[in-house]
């Protein structure tokens, strides 16, 4: 992958891991902050600061000079007795844009945009059962070790198996870059004006939303069975 440096190894097409992105010593204060947070009424805790210092480490590991990594300390998610439907991280209404990306040196009239290239998941613990991340298009599931960083192409279909015991603590976000589309393509996009919500398939697509503009995901949906990922 031309964007990623040697720290990453490929797990399956479009999916990579940086093992021990955080060392065991570095994980100690992170887990202390996570476990001291109030999880009584939520599965998401925002504004955690203990891993913010490692933002530059990730940026230095990629060949994207204009990379944008927002909200690196934004949210830690706890999975306990739950999983996540197969989905794509790309904003669904932007699929047309991605399919018409052009080179920035093109002489065509173009519009510069900042949009996600990769989704990533940073794993803070591994003392749970289940909870594997799965890439069903490739029939591949993987349980990272604590401290590992998994990065996947933003269009990769992925899901999380149900956590059977314990709690899985992760941070996930998107790694963005500048890219370019023709003015004509940009004008065709119906940019939603409503606030982001997981229930709106224009923003975030899972199999529960029905048919998608993402052709790779649509093909997979034909054979998807809930029990495969949630049993």
C-alpha atoms as a PDB file:
ATOM      1  CA  UNK A   1       0.000   0.000   0.000  1.00  0.00           C
ATOM      2  CA  UNK A   2       1.583   3.238  -1.178  1.00  0.00           C
ATOM      3  CA  UNK A   3       0.241   5.276   1.735  1.00  0.00           C
ATOM      4  CA  UNK A   4       1.544   3.090   4.573  1.00  0.00           C
ATOM      5  CA  UNK A   5       5.131   2.694   5.757  1.00  0.00           C
ATOM      6  CA  UNK A   6       6.917  -0.436   6.921  1.00  0.00           C
ATOM      7  CA  UNK A   7       5.317  -0.526  10.382  1.00  0.00           C
ATOM      8  CA  UNK A   8       2.216  -2.112   8.872  1.00  0.00           C
ATOM      9  CA  UNK A   9       1.760  -5.650   7.647  1.00  0.00           C
ATOM     10  CA  UNK A  10      -1.105  -6.754   5.434  1.00  0.00           C
ATOM     11  CA  UNK A  11      -3.750  -9.032   6.932  1.00  0.00           C
ATOM     12  CA  UNK A  12      -6.010  -9.310   3.884  1.00  0.00           C
ATOM     13  CA  UNK A  13      -6.604  -7.049   0.870  1.00  0.00           C
ATOM     14  CA  UNK A  14      -6.916  -3.459   2.053  1.00  0.00           C
ATOM     15  CA  UNK A  15      -6.449  -4.335   5.754  1.00  0.00           C
ATOM     16  CA  UNK A  16      -3.249  -3.777   7.738  1.00  0.00           C
ATOM     17  CA  UNK A  17      -2.019  -3.998  11.330  1.00  0.00           C
ATOM     18  CA  UNK A  18       0.721  -2.194  13.220  1.00  0.00           C
ATOM     19  CA  UNK A  19       1.439  -4.591  16.044  1.00  0.00           C
ATOM     20  CA  UNK A  20       2.339  -2.964  19.376  1.00  0.00           C
ATOM     21  CA  UNK A  21       1.537   0.556  18.201  1.00  0.00           C
ATOM     22  CA  UNK A  22       1.214   1.176  21.934  1.00  0.00           C
ATOM     23  CA  UNK A  23       3.631  -0.718  24.159  1.00  0.00           C
ATOM     24  CA  UNK A  24       2.460  -2.514  27.275  1.00  0.00           C
ATOM     25  CA  UNK A  25       3.932   0.290  29.404  1.00  0.00           C
ATOM     26  CA  UNK A  26       2.159   2.939  27.339  1.00  0.00           C
ATOM     27  CA  UNK A  27      -1.133   1.099  27.724  1.00  0.00           C
ATOM     28  CA  UNK A  28      -1.063   1.285  31.539  1.00  0.00           C
ATOM     29  CA  UNK A  29      -2.109   4.953  31.942  1.00  0.00           C
ATOM     30  CA  UNK A  30      -4.543   4.640  29.036  1.00  0.00           C
ATOM     31  CA  UNK A  31      -6.369   1.728  30.633  1.00  0.00           C
ATOM     32  CA  UNK A  32      -6.312   3.464  34.016  1.00  0.00           C
ATOM     33  CA  UNK A  33      -8.130   6.433  32.481  1.00  0.00           C
ATOM     34  CA  UNK A  34     -10.555   4.173  30.617  1.00  0.00           C
ATOM     35  CA  UNK A  35     -11.443   2.045  33.643  1.00  0.00           C
ATOM     36  CA  UNK A  36     -11.806   5.078  35.909  1.00  0.00           C
ATOM     37  CA  UNK A  37     -14.400   6.596  33.558  1.00  0.00           C
ATOM     38  CA  UNK A  38     -18.114   6.348  34.260  1.00  0.00           C
ATOM     39  CA  UNK A  39     -19.508   3.549  32.075  1.00  0.00           C
ATOM     40  CA  UNK A  40     -22.732   3.075  34.039  1.00  0.00           C
ATOM     41  CA  UNK A  41     -25.045   4.662  31.473  1.00  0.00           C
ATOM     42  CA  UNK A  42     -23.079   4.607  28.215  1.00  0.00           C
ATOM     43  CA  UNK A  43     -20.945   2.533  25.861  1.00  0.00           C
ATOM     44  CA  UNK A  44     -19.011   5.627  24.674  1.00  0.00           C
ATOM     45  CA  UNK A  45     -16.773   7.885  26.764  1.00  0.00           C
ATOM     46  CA  UNK A  46     -15.529  11.049  25.106  1.00  0.00           C
ATOM     47  CA  UNK A  47     -12.615  13.378  25.688  1.00  0.00           C
ATOM     48  CA  UNK A  48     -10.056  10.882  26.991  1.00  0.00           C
ATOM     49  CA  UNK A  49      -6.562  12.387  26.815  1.00  0.00           C
ATOM     50  CA  UNK A  50      -4.063   9.694  27.742  1.00  0.00           C
ATOM     51  CA  UNK A  51      -3.434   8.493  24.167  1.00  0.00           C
ATOM     52  CA  UNK A  52      -3.543  11.913  22.439  1.00  0.00           C
ATOM     53  CA  UNK A  53       0.260  12.151  22.625  1.00  0.00           C
ATOM     54  CA  UNK A  54       0.549   9.297  20.106  1.00  0.00           C
ATOM     55  CA  UNK A  55      -1.252  11.122  17.309  1.00  0.00           C
ATOM     56  CA  UNK A  56       1.994  12.212  15.651  1.00  0.00           C
ATOM     57  CA  UNK A  57       3.293   8.635  15.771  1.00  0.00           C
ATOM     58  CA  UNK A  58       0.492   7.561  13.468  1.00  0.00           C
ATOM     59  CA  UNK A  59       0.886  10.553  11.140  1.00  0.00           C
ATOM     60  CA  UNK A  60       4.609   9.811  10.797  1.00  0.00           C
ATOM     61  CA  UNK A  61       3.803   6.251   9.696  1.00  0.00           C
ATOM     62  CA  UNK A  62       1.941   7.216   6.528  1.00  0.00           C
ATOM     63  CA  UNK A  63       2.932   8.728   3.190  1.00  0.00           C
ATOM     64  CA  UNK A  64       0.224  11.383   3.164  1.00  0.00           C
ATOM     65  CA  UNK A  65       1.748  14.874   3.524  1.00  0.00           C
ATOM     66  CA  UNK A  66      -1.682  16.511   3.825  1.00  0.00           C
ATOM     67  CA  UNK A  67      -3.162  13.922   6.149  1.00  0.00           C
ATOM     68  CA  UNK A  68      -5.874  14.923   8.590  1.00  0.00           C
ATOM     69  CA  UNK A  69      -6.410  12.954  11.800  1.00  0.00           C
ATOM     70  CA  UNK A  70      -9.230  14.566  13.730  1.00  0.00           C
ATOM     71  CA  UNK A  71     -10.484  13.805  17.222  1.00  0.00           C
ATOM     72  CA  UNK A  72      -7.744  11.310  18.050  1.00  0.00           C
ATOM     73  CA  UNK A  73      -8.804  11.553  21.704  1.00  0.00           C
ATOM     74  CA  UNK A  74     -12.453  11.852  20.801  1.00  0.00           C
ATOM     75  CA  UNK A  75     -14.058   8.668  22.028  1.00  0.00           C
ATOM     76  CA  UNK A  76     -13.406   5.232  23.503  1.00  0.00           C
ATOM     77  CA  UNK A  77     -16.048   2.599  22.785  1.00  0.00           C
ATOM     78  CA  UNK A  78     -16.899  -0.359  24.999  1.00  0.00           C
ATOM     79  CA  UNK A  79     -18.338  -3.502  23.422  1.00  0.00           C
ATOM     80  CA  UNK A  80     -19.926  -5.788  26.007  1.00  0.00           C
ATOM     81  CA  UNK A  81     -22.318  -8.558  24.909  1.00  0.00           C
ATOM     82  CA  UNK A  82     -22.680  -6.853  21.541  1.00  0.00           C
ATOM     83  CA  UNK A  83     -21.257  -6.747  18.017  1.00  0.00           C
ATOM     84  CA  UNK A  84     -21.648  -4.515  14.956  1.00  0.00           C
ATOM     85  CA  UNK A  85     -23.307  -5.132  11.589  1.00  0.00           C
ATOM     86  CA  UNK A  86     -21.198  -5.268   8.418  1.00  0.00           C
ATOM     87  CA  UNK A  87     -20.755  -1.697   7.276  1.00  0.00           C
ATOM     88  CA  UNK A  88     -18.513   0.729   5.460  1.00  0.00           C
ATOM     89  CA  UNK A  89     -17.009   3.833   7.058  1.00  0.00           C
ATOM     90  CA  UNK A  90     -17.253   5.944   3.923  1.00  0.00           C
ATOM     91  CA  UNK A  91     -20.113   8.424   3.919  1.00  0.00           C
ATOM     92  CA  UNK A  92     -22.655   6.739   1.684  1.00  0.00           C
ATOM     93  CA  UNK A  93     -23.654   9.871  -0.220  1.00  0.00           C
ATOM     94  CA  UNK A  94     -20.007  10.390  -1.190  1.00  0.00           C
ATOM     95  CA  UNK A  95     -19.566   7.092  -3.044  1.00  0.00           C
ATOM     96  CA  UNK A  96     -20.033   8.857  -6.376  1.00  0.00           C
ATOM     97  CA  UNK A  97     -17.198  11.212  -5.493  1.00  0.00           C
ATOM     98  CA  UNK A  98     -14.805   8.385  -4.735  1.00  0.00           C
ATOM     99  CA  UNK A  99     -15.668   6.636  -7.959  1.00  0.00           C
ATOM    100  CA  UNK A 100     -14.702   9.772  -9.906  1.00  0.00           C
ATOM    101  CA  UNK A 101     -11.474  10.751  -8.184  1.00  0.00           C
ATOM    102  CA  UNK A 102      -8.864  12.347 -10.455  1.00  0.00           C
ATOM    103  CA  UNK A 103      -5.178  13.127 -10.132  1.00  0.00           C
ATOM    104  CA  UNK A 104      -4.417  16.481  -8.495  1.00  0.00           C
ATOM    105  CA  UNK A 105      -2.118  17.329 -11.431  1.00  0.00           C
ATOM    106  CA  UNK A 106      -4.905  16.921 -13.953  1.00  0.00           C
ATOM    107  CA  UNK A 107      -5.620  19.949 -16.110  1.00  0.00           C
ATOM    108  CA  UNK A 108      -9.355  19.392 -15.748  1.00  0.00           C
ATOM    109  CA  UNK A 109     -11.356  21.865 -13.707  1.00  0.00           C
ATOM    110  CA  UNK A 110     -11.458  20.230 -10.307  1.00  0.00           C
ATOM    111  CA  UNK A 111     -12.549  20.608  -6.710  1.00  0.00           C
ATOM    112  CA  UNK A 112     -10.239  19.750  -3.799  1.00  0.00           C
ATOM    113  CA  UNK A 113     -11.851  17.865  -0.920  1.00  0.00           C
ATOM    114  CA  UNK A 114     -10.714  16.406   2.373  1.00  0.00           C
ATOM    115  CA  UNK A 115     -12.223  12.988   2.950  1.00  0.00           C
ATOM    116  CA  UNK A 116     -11.288   9.747   4.641  1.00  0.00           C
ATOM    117  CA  UNK A 117      -8.776   7.329   3.071  1.00  0.00           C
ATOM    118  CA  UNK A 118      -8.653   4.842   5.939  1.00  0.00           C
ATOM    119  CA  UNK A 119     -10.639   3.776   8.934  1.00  0.00           C
ATOM    120  CA  UNK A 120      -8.640   2.662  11.929  1.00  0.00           C
ATOM    121  CA  UNK A 121      -9.202   0.888  15.244  1.00  0.00           C
ATOM    122  CA  UNK A 122      -6.811   1.212  18.172  1.00  0.00           C
ATOM    123  CA  UNK A 123      -7.118  -1.658  20.661  1.00  0.00           C
ATOM    124  CA  UNK A 124      -6.527  -0.970  24.350  1.00  0.00           C
ATOM    125  CA  UNK A 125      -7.135  -4.442  25.776  1.00  0.00           C
ATOM    126  CA  UNK A 126      -7.482  -8.073  24.751  1.00  0.00           C
ATOM    127  CA  UNK A 127      -8.813  -9.708  27.952  1.00  0.00           C
ATOM    128  CA  UNK A 128     -12.194 -10.574  26.452  1.00  0.00           C
ATOM    129  CA  UNK A 129     -13.598 -13.389  24.324  1.00  0.00           C
ATOM    130  CA  UNK A 130     -15.261 -12.871  20.973  1.00  0.00           C
ATOM    131  CA  UNK A 131     -15.186  -9.326  19.609  1.00  0.00           C
ATOM    132  CA  UNK A 132     -13.095 -10.159  16.539  1.00  0.00           C
ATOM    133  CA  UNK A 133     -13.070  -7.667  13.688  1.00  0.00           C
ATOM    134  CA  UNK A 134     -14.225  -9.369  10.485  1.00  0.00           C
ATOM    135  CA  UNK A 135     -13.839  -8.561   6.810  1.00  0.00           C
ATOM    136  CA  UNK A 136     -16.564 -10.801   5.359  1.00  0.00           C
ATOM    137  CA  UNK A 137     -15.753 -10.150   1.707  1.00  0.00           C
ATOM    138  CA  UNK A 138     -12.527 -12.045   2.346  1.00  0.00           C
ATOM    139  CA  UNK A 139     -13.908 -14.461   4.965  1.00  0.00           C
ATOM    140  CA  UNK A 140     -11.313 -13.130   7.398  1.00  0.00           C
ATOM    141  CA  UNK A 141     -11.662 -12.455  11.131  1.00  0.00           C
ATOM    142  CA  UNK A 142      -8.951 -11.214  13.461  1.00  0.00           C
ATOM    143  CA  UNK A 143      -8.545 -10.480  17.158  1.00  0.00           C
ATOM    144  CA  UNK A 144      -5.740  -7.955  17.681  1.00  0.00           C
ATOM    145  CA  UNK A 145      -3.604  -7.851  20.798  1.00  0.00           C
ATOM    146  CA  UNK A 146      -3.760  -4.936  23.215  1.00  0.00           C
ATOM    147  CA  UNK A 147      -1.835  -2.022  21.736  1.00  0.00           C
ATOM    148  CA  UNK A 148      -2.362  -3.040  18.104  1.00  0.00           C
ATOM    149  CA  UNK A 149      -3.579  -0.599  15.473  1.00  0.00           C
ATOM    150  CA  UNK A 150      -5.682  -1.925  12.586  1.00  0.00           C
ATOM    151  CA  UNK A 151      -6.110   0.227   9.477  1.00  0.00           C
ATOM    152  CA  UNK A 152      -8.380  -0.584   6.558  1.00  0.00           C
ATOM    153  CA  UNK A 153      -9.288   1.029   3.274  1.00  0.00           C
ATOM    154  CA  UNK A 154     -12.254   3.299   3.867  1.00  0.00           C
ATOM    155  CA  UNK A 155     -14.409   1.268   1.465  1.00  0.00           C
ATOM    156  CA  UNK A 156     -13.686  -2.058   3.211  1.00  0.00           C
ATOM    157  CA  UNK A 157     -16.730  -3.901   4.527  1.00  0.00           C
ATOM    158  CA  UNK A 158     -16.126  -4.818   8.167  1.00  0.00           C
ATOM    159  CA  UNK A 159     -18.047  -5.989  11.211  1.00  0.00           C
ATOM    160  CA  UNK A 160     -17.464  -6.907  14.846  1.00  0.00           C
ATOM    161  CA  UNK A 161     -18.380 -10.297  16.283  1.00  0.00           C
ATOM    162  CA  UNK A 162     -20.354 -10.325  19.493  1.00  0.00           C
ATOM    163  CA  UNK A 163     -18.247  -9.984  22.649  1.00  0.00           C
ATOM    164  CA  UNK A 164     -19.031 -13.110  24.658  1.00  0.00           C
ATOM    165  CA  UNK A 165     -17.287 -12.255  27.935  1.00  0.00           C
ATOM    166  CA  UNK A 166     -15.449  -9.263  29.317  1.00  0.00           C
ATOM    167  CA  UNK A 167     -15.399  -5.842  27.641  1.00  0.00           C
ATOM    168  CA  UNK A 168     -13.600  -4.701  24.490  1.00  0.00           C
ATOM    169  CA  UNK A 169     -12.222  -1.139  24.617  1.00  0.00           C
ATOM    170  CA  UNK A 170     -11.211   0.547  21.371  1.00  0.00           C
ATOM    171  CA  UNK A 171     -10.902   3.916  19.708  1.00  0.00           C
ATOM    172  CA  UNK A 172     -11.839   4.245  16.053  1.00  0.00           C
ATOM    173  CA  UNK A 173     -11.810   7.160  13.646  1.00  0.00           C
ATOM    174  CA  UNK A 174     -10.878   8.083  10.096  1.00  0.00           C
ATOM    175  CA  UNK A 175      -7.617   9.139   8.508  1.00  0.00           C
ATOM    176  CA  UNK A 176      -8.227  11.679   5.779  1.00  0.00           C
ATOM    177  CA  UNK A 177      -6.353  13.191   2.850  1.00  0.00           C
ATOM    178  CA  UNK A 178      -6.844  15.735   0.094  1.00  0.00           C
ATOM    179  CA  UNK A 179      -8.239  14.404  -3.150  1.00  0.00           C
ATOM    180  CA  UNK A 180      -9.755  15.883  -6.266  1.00  0.00           C
ATOM    181  CA  UNK A 181     -12.865  15.419  -8.389  1.00  0.00           C
ATOM    182  CA  UNK A 182     -14.185  17.210 -11.433  1.00  0.00           C
ATOM    183  CA  UNK A 183     -16.449  20.178 -10.866  1.00  0.00           C
ATOM    184  CA  UNK A 184     -19.194  18.323 -12.736  1.00  0.00           C
ATOM    185  CA  UNK A 185     -19.003  15.345 -10.373  1.00  0.00           C
ATOM    186  CA  UNK A 186     -18.997  17.564  -7.312  1.00  0.00           C
ATOM    187  CA  UNK A 187     -22.096  19.378  -8.546  1.00  0.00           C
ATOM    188  CA  UNK A 188     -24.024  16.107  -8.832  1.00  0.00           C
ATOM    189  CA  UNK A 189     -23.676  15.219  -5.140  1.00  0.00           C
ATOM    190  CA  UNK A 190     -26.731  15.801  -2.974  1.00  0.00           C
ATOM    191  CA  UNK A 191     -24.917  16.836   0.189  1.00  0.00           C
ATOM    192  CA  UNK A 192     -27.158  16.115   3.196  1.00  0.00           C
ATOM    193  CA  UNK A 193     -27.809  19.011   5.524  1.00  0.00           C
ATOM    194  CA  UNK A 194     -29.047  17.048   8.516  1.00  0.00           C
ATOM    195  CA  UNK A 195     -26.899  16.145  11.512  1.00  0.00           C
ATOM    196  CA  UNK A 196     -24.895  12.907  11.461  1.00  0.00           C
ATOM    197  CA  UNK A 197     -26.774   9.878  12.733  1.00  0.00           C
ATOM    198  CA  UNK A 198     -26.098   6.162  12.471  1.00  0.00           C
ATOM    199  CA  UNK A 199     -29.767   5.667  11.557  1.00  0.00           C
ATOM    200  CA  UNK A 200     -29.373   7.630   8.331  1.00  0.00           C
ATOM    201  CA  UNK A 201     -27.818   5.538   5.561  1.00  0.00           C
ATOM    202  CA  UNK A 202     -26.745   8.695   3.700  1.00  0.00           C
ATOM    203  CA  UNK A 203     -24.085   9.114   6.369  1.00  0.00           C
ATOM    204  CA  UNK A 204     -23.246   5.645   7.608  1.00  0.00           C
ATOM    205  CA  UNK A 205     -24.104   2.399   5.851  1.00  0.00           C
ATOM    206  CA  UNK A 206     -24.784  -1.006   7.441  1.00  0.00           C
ATOM    207  CA  UNK A 207     -26.664  -3.998   6.055  1.00  0.00           C
ATOM    208  CA  UNK A 208     -29.724  -2.964   8.074  1.00  0.00           C
ATOM    209  CA  UNK A 209     -30.183   0.081   5.859  1.00  0.00           C
ATOM    210  CA  UNK A 210     -30.887  -1.974   2.767  1.00  0.00           C
ATOM    211  CA  UNK A 211     -29.433  -1.470  -0.696  1.00  0.00           C
ATOM    212  CA  UNK A 212     -26.264   0.596  -1.007  1.00  0.00           C
ATOM    213  CA  UNK A 213     -24.503   2.527  -3.765  1.00  0.00           C
ATOM    214  CA  UNK A 214     -21.363   0.690  -2.687  1.00  0.00           C
ATOM    215  CA  UNK A 215     -21.290  -2.200  -5.180  1.00  0.00           C
ATOM    216  CA  UNK A 216     -18.862  -4.314  -3.142  1.00  0.00           C
ATOM    217  CA  UNK A 217     -21.157  -4.121  -0.138  1.00  0.00           C
ATOM    218  CA  UNK A 218     -24.270  -4.815  -2.186  1.00  0.00           C
ATOM    219  CA  UNK A 219     -22.748  -8.050  -3.508  1.00  0.00           C
ATOM    220  CA  UNK A 220     -21.869  -9.200  -0.019  1.00  0.00           C
ATOM    221  CA  UNK A 221     -25.349  -8.455   1.349  1.00  0.00           C
ATOM    222  CA  UNK A 222     -26.813 -11.207  -0.800  1.00  0.00           C
ATOM    223  CA  UNK A 223     -25.101 -13.881   1.297  1.00  0.00           C
ATOM    224  CA  UNK A 224     -24.989 -12.180   4.698  1.00  0.00           C
ATOM    225  CA  UNK A 225     -26.422 -14.171   7.633  1.00  0.00           C
ATOM    226  CA  UNK A 226     -26.719 -12.505  11.050  1.00  0.00           C
ATOM    227  CA  UNK A 227     -25.753 -15.665  12.907  1.00  0.00           C
ATOM    228  CA  UNK A 228     -22.383 -15.774  11.186  1.00  0.00           C
ATOM    229  CA  UNK A 229     -21.219 -12.672  13.004  1.00  0.00           C
ATOM    230  CA  UNK A 230     -23.346 -12.643  16.114  1.00  0.00           C
ATOM    231  CA  UNK A 231     -23.586 -16.233  17.327  1.00  0.00           C
END
